[in-house]
Protein backbone atom coordinates (compact mmCIF):
# COMPACT_ATOMS: atom_id res chain seq x y z
CA UNK A 1 0.59 15.13 -10.27
CA UNK A 2 3.20 17.78 -9.61
CA UNK A 3 6.60 16.53 -8.52
CA UNK A 4 8.42 18.21 -5.63
CA UNK A 5 10.50 21.30 -6.32
CA UNK A 6 13.36 21.72 -6.77
CA UNK A 7 14.33 18.71 -8.90
CA UNK A 8 18.08 18.29 -9.22
CA UNK A 9 19.68 16.34 -12.11
CA UNK A 10 22.60 14.00 -11.60
CA UNK A 11 24.26 10.79 -12.75
CA UNK A 12 23.76 7.45 -11.05
CA UNK A 13 26.80 5.89 -9.43
CA UNK A 14 25.09 2.88 -7.84
CA UNK A 15 22.01 1.74 -5.99
CA UNK A 16 22.55 -0.41 -2.89
CA UNK A 17 20.84 -1.76 0.25
CA UNK A 18 17.56 -1.45 -1.72
CA UNK A 19 16.81 1.95 -0.16
CA UNK A 20 19.86 4.01 -1.15
CA UNK A 21 21.63 5.35 -4.23
CA UNK A 22 24.81 7.34 -4.76
CA UNK A 23 24.47 10.14 -7.32
CA UNK A 24 26.88 12.74 -8.70
CA UNK A 25 25.07 16.09 -9.00
CA UNK A 26 25.37 17.68 -12.44
CA UNK A 27 25.68 21.27 -11.29
CA UNK A 28 28.37 20.84 -8.61
CA UNK A 29 29.99 17.44 -9.22
CA UNK A 30 29.30 16.53 -5.59
CA UNK A 31 28.47 12.91 -4.79
CA UNK A 32 25.40 12.58 -2.56
CA UNK A 33 23.38 9.72 -1.12
CA UNK A 34 19.68 9.69 -2.00
CA UNK A 35 16.88 7.62 -0.54
CA UNK A 36 15.28 5.29 -3.09
CA UNK A 37 11.47 4.98 -2.82
CA UNK A 38 11.42 1.67 -4.69
CA UNK A 39 12.46 -1.57 -3.03
CA UNK A 40 11.94 -3.72 -6.14
CA UNK A 41 14.60 -5.08 -8.44
CA UNK A 42 14.41 -2.01 -10.76
CA UNK A 43 15.59 -4.25 -13.59
CA UNK A 44 16.91 -2.22 -16.52
CA UNK A 45 17.09 1.06 -14.60
CA UNK A 46 20.34 0.80 -12.68
CA UNK A 47 23.13 1.33 -15.20
CA UNK A 48 25.88 3.53 -13.82
CA UNK A 49 25.85 6.89 -15.59
CA UNK A 50 22.08 6.99 -16.14
CA UNK A 51 20.74 10.51 -15.77
CA UNK A 52 18.51 10.85 -12.71
CA UNK A 53 16.44 13.53 -10.99
CA UNK A 54 16.36 13.99 -7.24
CA UNK A 55 13.89 15.89 -5.11
CA UNK A 56 15.39 17.97 -2.32
CA UNK A 57 14.06 18.53 1.19
CA UNK A 58 15.33 20.68 4.04
CA UNK A 59 13.12 18.88 6.58
CA UNK A 60 15.43 18.11 9.53
CA UNK A 61 13.40 14.97 10.31
CA UNK A 62 14.50 13.33 7.06
CA UNK A 63 17.69 11.29 7.27
CA UNK A 64 18.53 11.90 3.61
CA UNK A 65 18.06 15.31 2.03
CA UNK A 66 17.76 13.87 -1.50
CA UNK A 67 15.20 11.40 -2.84
CA UNK A 68 15.49 9.68 -6.21
CA UNK A 69 12.36 10.35 -8.31
CA UNK A 70 13.10 9.82 -12.02
CA UNK A 71 15.64 8.09 -14.23
CA UNK A 72 16.38 8.41 -17.93
CA UNK A 73 17.23 5.07 -19.55
CA UNK A 74 18.32 3.88 -22.96
CA UNK A 75 15.44 1.45 -23.34
CA UNK A 76 14.69 -0.94 -26.21
CA UNK A 77 12.73 1.82 -28.00
CA UNK A 78 15.27 4.59 -27.34
CA UNK A 79 15.61 6.97 -24.43
CA UNK A 80 12.74 7.09 -21.94
CA UNK A 81 11.92 8.79 -18.67
CA UNK A 82 10.84 6.43 -15.91
CA UNK A 83 9.13 7.28 -12.63
CA UNK A 84 10.36 4.95 -9.93
CA UNK A 85 8.60 6.25 -6.81
CA UNK A 86 6.24 3.43 -5.77
CA UNK A 87 4.28 5.74 -3.45
CA UNK A 88 2.79 7.60 -6.44
CA UNK A 89 0.76 5.06 -8.49
CA UNK A 90 -2.27 5.01 -6.18
CA UNK A 91 -2.62 8.79 -6.35
CA UNK A 92 -1.95 8.76 -10.10
CA UNK A 93 -4.72 6.19 -10.57
CA UNK A 94 -7.15 8.20 -8.43
CA UNK A 95 -6.40 11.34 -10.47
CA UNK A 96 -6.96 9.43 -13.72
CA UNK A 97 -10.29 8.07 -12.49
CA UNK A 98 -11.51 11.52 -11.44
CA UNK A 99 -10.41 12.93 -14.81
CA UNK A 100 -12.44 10.29 -16.67
CA UNK A 101 -9.36 8.64 -18.21
CA UNK A 102 -10.62 5.16 -17.29
CA UNK A 103 -13.90 4.70 -19.22
CA UNK A 104 -14.98 1.65 -17.19
CA UNK A 105 -14.97 3.57 -13.89
CA UNK A 106 -17.46 6.38 -13.17
CA UNK A 107 -15.56 9.63 -12.66
CA UNK A 108 -17.99 10.87 -9.98
CA UNK A 109 -17.58 7.95 -7.58
CA UNK A 110 -16.27 8.36 -4.04
CA UNK A 111 -12.68 7.11 -3.76
CA UNK A 112 -11.25 5.73 -0.52
CA UNK A 113 -7.68 4.53 -0.04
CA UNK A 114 -6.07 1.71 1.95
CA UNK A 115 -9.34 0.13 3.11
CA UNK A 116 -9.04 -3.20 4.92
CA UNK A 117 -10.62 -6.12 3.09
CA UNK A 118 -10.32 -9.79 2.20
CA UNK A 119 -9.20 -12.92 4.00
CA UNK A 120 -5.42 -12.33 4.07
CA UNK A 121 -5.12 -9.15 6.15
CA UNK A 122 -4.99 -6.94 3.06
CA UNK A 123 -5.66 -3.29 2.34
CA UNK A 124 -7.18 -2.38 -1.01
CA UNK A 125 -5.33 0.42 -2.78
CA UNK A 126 -8.49 2.15 -4.00
CA UNK A 127 -12.14 1.49 -3.23
CA UNK A 128 -14.42 3.36 -5.61
CA UNK A 129 -18.10 3.69 -4.75
CA UNK A 130 -20.12 4.92 -7.74
CA UNK A 131 -23.39 6.67 -6.94
CA UNK A 132 -25.68 3.98 -8.33
CA UNK A 133 -23.52 0.93 -8.98
CA UNK A 134 -21.59 -1.74 -7.06
CA UNK A 135 -18.30 -0.77 -5.44
CA UNK A 136 -15.03 -1.34 -7.31
CA UNK A 137 -12.05 -2.85 -5.48
CA UNK A 138 -8.84 -1.75 -7.23
CA UNK A 139 -5.26 -2.84 -6.73
CA UNK A 140 -2.59 -0.67 -8.40
CA UNK A 141 0.83 -1.95 -9.46
CA UNK A 142 3.82 0.16 -10.48
CA UNK A 143 5.35 -0.89 -13.82
CA UNK A 144 8.86 0.17 -14.88
CA UNK A 145 10.33 -2.84 -16.72
CA UNK A 146 10.70 -2.91 -20.52
CA UNK A 147 12.60 -5.58 -22.45
CA UNK A 148 10.97 -5.10 -25.87
CA UNK A 149 10.40 -1.85 -27.78
CA UNK A 150 7.17 -0.21 -26.68
CA UNK A 151 6.22 -2.98 -24.23
CA UNK A 152 6.16 -2.52 -20.45
CA UNK A 153 6.09 -5.59 -18.23
CA UNK A 154 5.10 -6.55 -14.71
CA UNK A 155 6.53 -7.86 -12.45
CA UNK A 156 10.29 -7.30 -12.58
CA UNK A 157 10.87 -9.89 -9.83
CA UNK A 158 8.94 -12.67 -8.10
CA UNK A 159 6.16 -11.08 -6.04
CA UNK A 160 4.36 -13.24 -3.51
CA UNK A 161 2.58 -10.12 -2.27
CA UNK A 162 1.28 -9.42 -5.77
CA UNK A 163 -0.08 -12.96 -6.03
CA UNK A 164 -1.83 -12.49 -2.67
CA UNK A 165 -3.57 -9.39 -3.98
CA UNK A 166 -4.76 -11.33 -7.03
CA UNK A 167 -6.23 -14.02 -4.77
CA UNK A 168 -8.11 -11.36 -2.84
CA UNK A 169 -9.46 -9.81 -6.04
CA UNK A 170 -10.46 -13.25 -7.28
CA UNK A 171 -12.58 -13.72 -4.15
CA UNK A 172 -14.21 -10.32 -4.62
CA UNK A 173 -15.05 -11.13 -8.24
CA UNK A 174 -16.42 -14.60 -7.43
CA UNK A 175 -18.68 -13.24 -4.70
CA UNK A 176 -20.46 -11.14 -7.34
CA UNK A 177 -21.33 -8.23 -5.04
CA UNK A 178 -18.62 -5.86 -6.23
CA UNK A 179 -16.26 -5.36 -9.14
CA UNK A 180 -12.60 -6.31 -8.86
CA UNK A 181 -9.94 -4.55 -10.92
CA UNK A 182 -6.18 -4.52 -11.34
CA UNK A 183 -4.59 -1.32 -12.64
CA UNK A 184 -1.04 -1.51 -13.99
CA UNK A 185 0.42 1.99 -13.74
CA UNK A 186 3.16 2.22 -16.38
CA UNK A 187 5.58 4.97 -15.38
CA UNK A 188 7.54 4.94 -18.65
CA UNK A 189 7.32 7.38 -21.55
CA UNK A 190 8.11 4.72 -24.17
CA UNK A 191 5.29 2.25 -23.43
CA UNK A 192 2.55 1.59 -25.96
CA UNK A 193 1.35 -1.68 -24.41
CA UNK A 194 1.77 -3.71 -21.24
CA UNK A 195 2.22 -7.43 -20.58
CA UNK A 196 2.75 -9.85 -17.72
CA UNK A 197 6.28 -11.23 -17.42
CA UNK A 198 5.38 -14.89 -17.04
CA UNK A 199 9.02 -15.93 -17.40
CA UNK A 200 9.94 -13.89 -14.33
CA UNK A 201 7.04 -15.00 -12.11
CA UNK A 202 4.94 -17.89 -13.49
CA UNK A 203 2.95 -18.10 -10.23
CA UNK A 204 1.85 -14.49 -10.58
CA UNK A 205 0.72 -15.14 -14.14
CA UNK A 206 -1.35 -18.14 -13.05
CA UNK A 207 -2.93 -16.15 -10.23
CA UNK A 208 -3.82 -13.39 -12.73
CA UNK A 209 -5.43 -15.94 -15.05
CA UNK A 210 -7.53 -17.39 -12.20
CA UNK A 211 -8.65 -13.95 -11.07
CA UNK A 212 -9.48 -12.93 -14.63
CA UNK A 213 -11.52 -16.09 -15.15
CA UNK A 214 -13.45 -15.20 -11.99
CA UNK A 215 -14.32 -11.78 -13.42
CA UNK A 216 -11.48 -9.48 -12.40
CA UNK A 217 -10.93 -6.62 -14.84
CA UNK A 218 -7.50 -5.33 -15.90
CA UNK A 219 -6.64 -1.78 -16.97
CA UNK A 220 -3.21 -0.52 -18.05
CA UNK A 221 -2.47 3.19 -17.78
CA UNK A 222 0.47 5.00 -19.36
CA UNK A 223 1.96 8.25 -18.11
CA UNK A 224 3.27 11.54 -19.44
CA UNK A 225 6.45 12.27 -17.48
CA UNK A 226 8.81 15.21 -17.18
CA UNK A 227 10.89 16.59 -14.30
CA UNK A 228 7.94 18.72 -13.22
CA UNK A 229 5.09 16.24 -13.18
CA UNK A 230 3.76 12.74 -13.81
CA UNK A 231 0.25 12.33 -15.23
CA UNK A 232 -1.55 9.11 -16.09
CA UNK A 233 -3.12 10.23 -19.34
CA UNK A 234 -4.20 7.23 -21.41
CA UNK A 235 -5.26 3.59 -21.41
CA UNK A 236 -2.95 1.21 -23.26
CA UNK A 237 -3.66 -2.39 -24.25
CA UNK A 238 -2.67 -5.45 -22.28
CA UNK A 239 -0.74 -7.82 -24.51
CA UNK A 240 -1.62 -11.44 -23.76
CA UNK A 241 0.95 -14.19 -24.04
């Protein structure tokens, strides 16, 4: 997936009010306010002075001209680029499926997005309909946390919404008429494996275990990232605790 052009480098001053960040632009030294397309905790990504990349828009309808897209962090395995835009993982997952990156999903299936389903007023991120096989209900989660070298973790904060999605997938799996799948989209260049952060959200971990026991599948995808593009290019293992 191509990132917007131009991409402007800067240094993070602070992130605040969940949706905003102050950044000093590298080329001019000007301090600007950028919208932040990630309302999560962003644990480990918010150190002042971190190098960041902002997309720029001249659309008069946008309140903020700059949007924060990438951050470079000194992670446990060294420096890494991290994609923080939570609107991208669904499209990244769809691209990976069409490219045949996920062996367990037919690459020629029809893909629909944000389809209503379940018992808790949910919308499935991706609904894949293979030509001659049951449909596949897929939830996609954005993963940016890393506390151990090479290991990405989800979630980075308690997520009641995430647990709800697992309950919905559990019901799909138990019904036996379709496949249920969770995709963890790891937007970090230093990740070789993924794990669930049970110490951060034990309830999410228990919901994942129940859904898995019912037949839900889990796939972890890692990304190649640079200031021009983000591509989900490989499956990485899920490390069980």
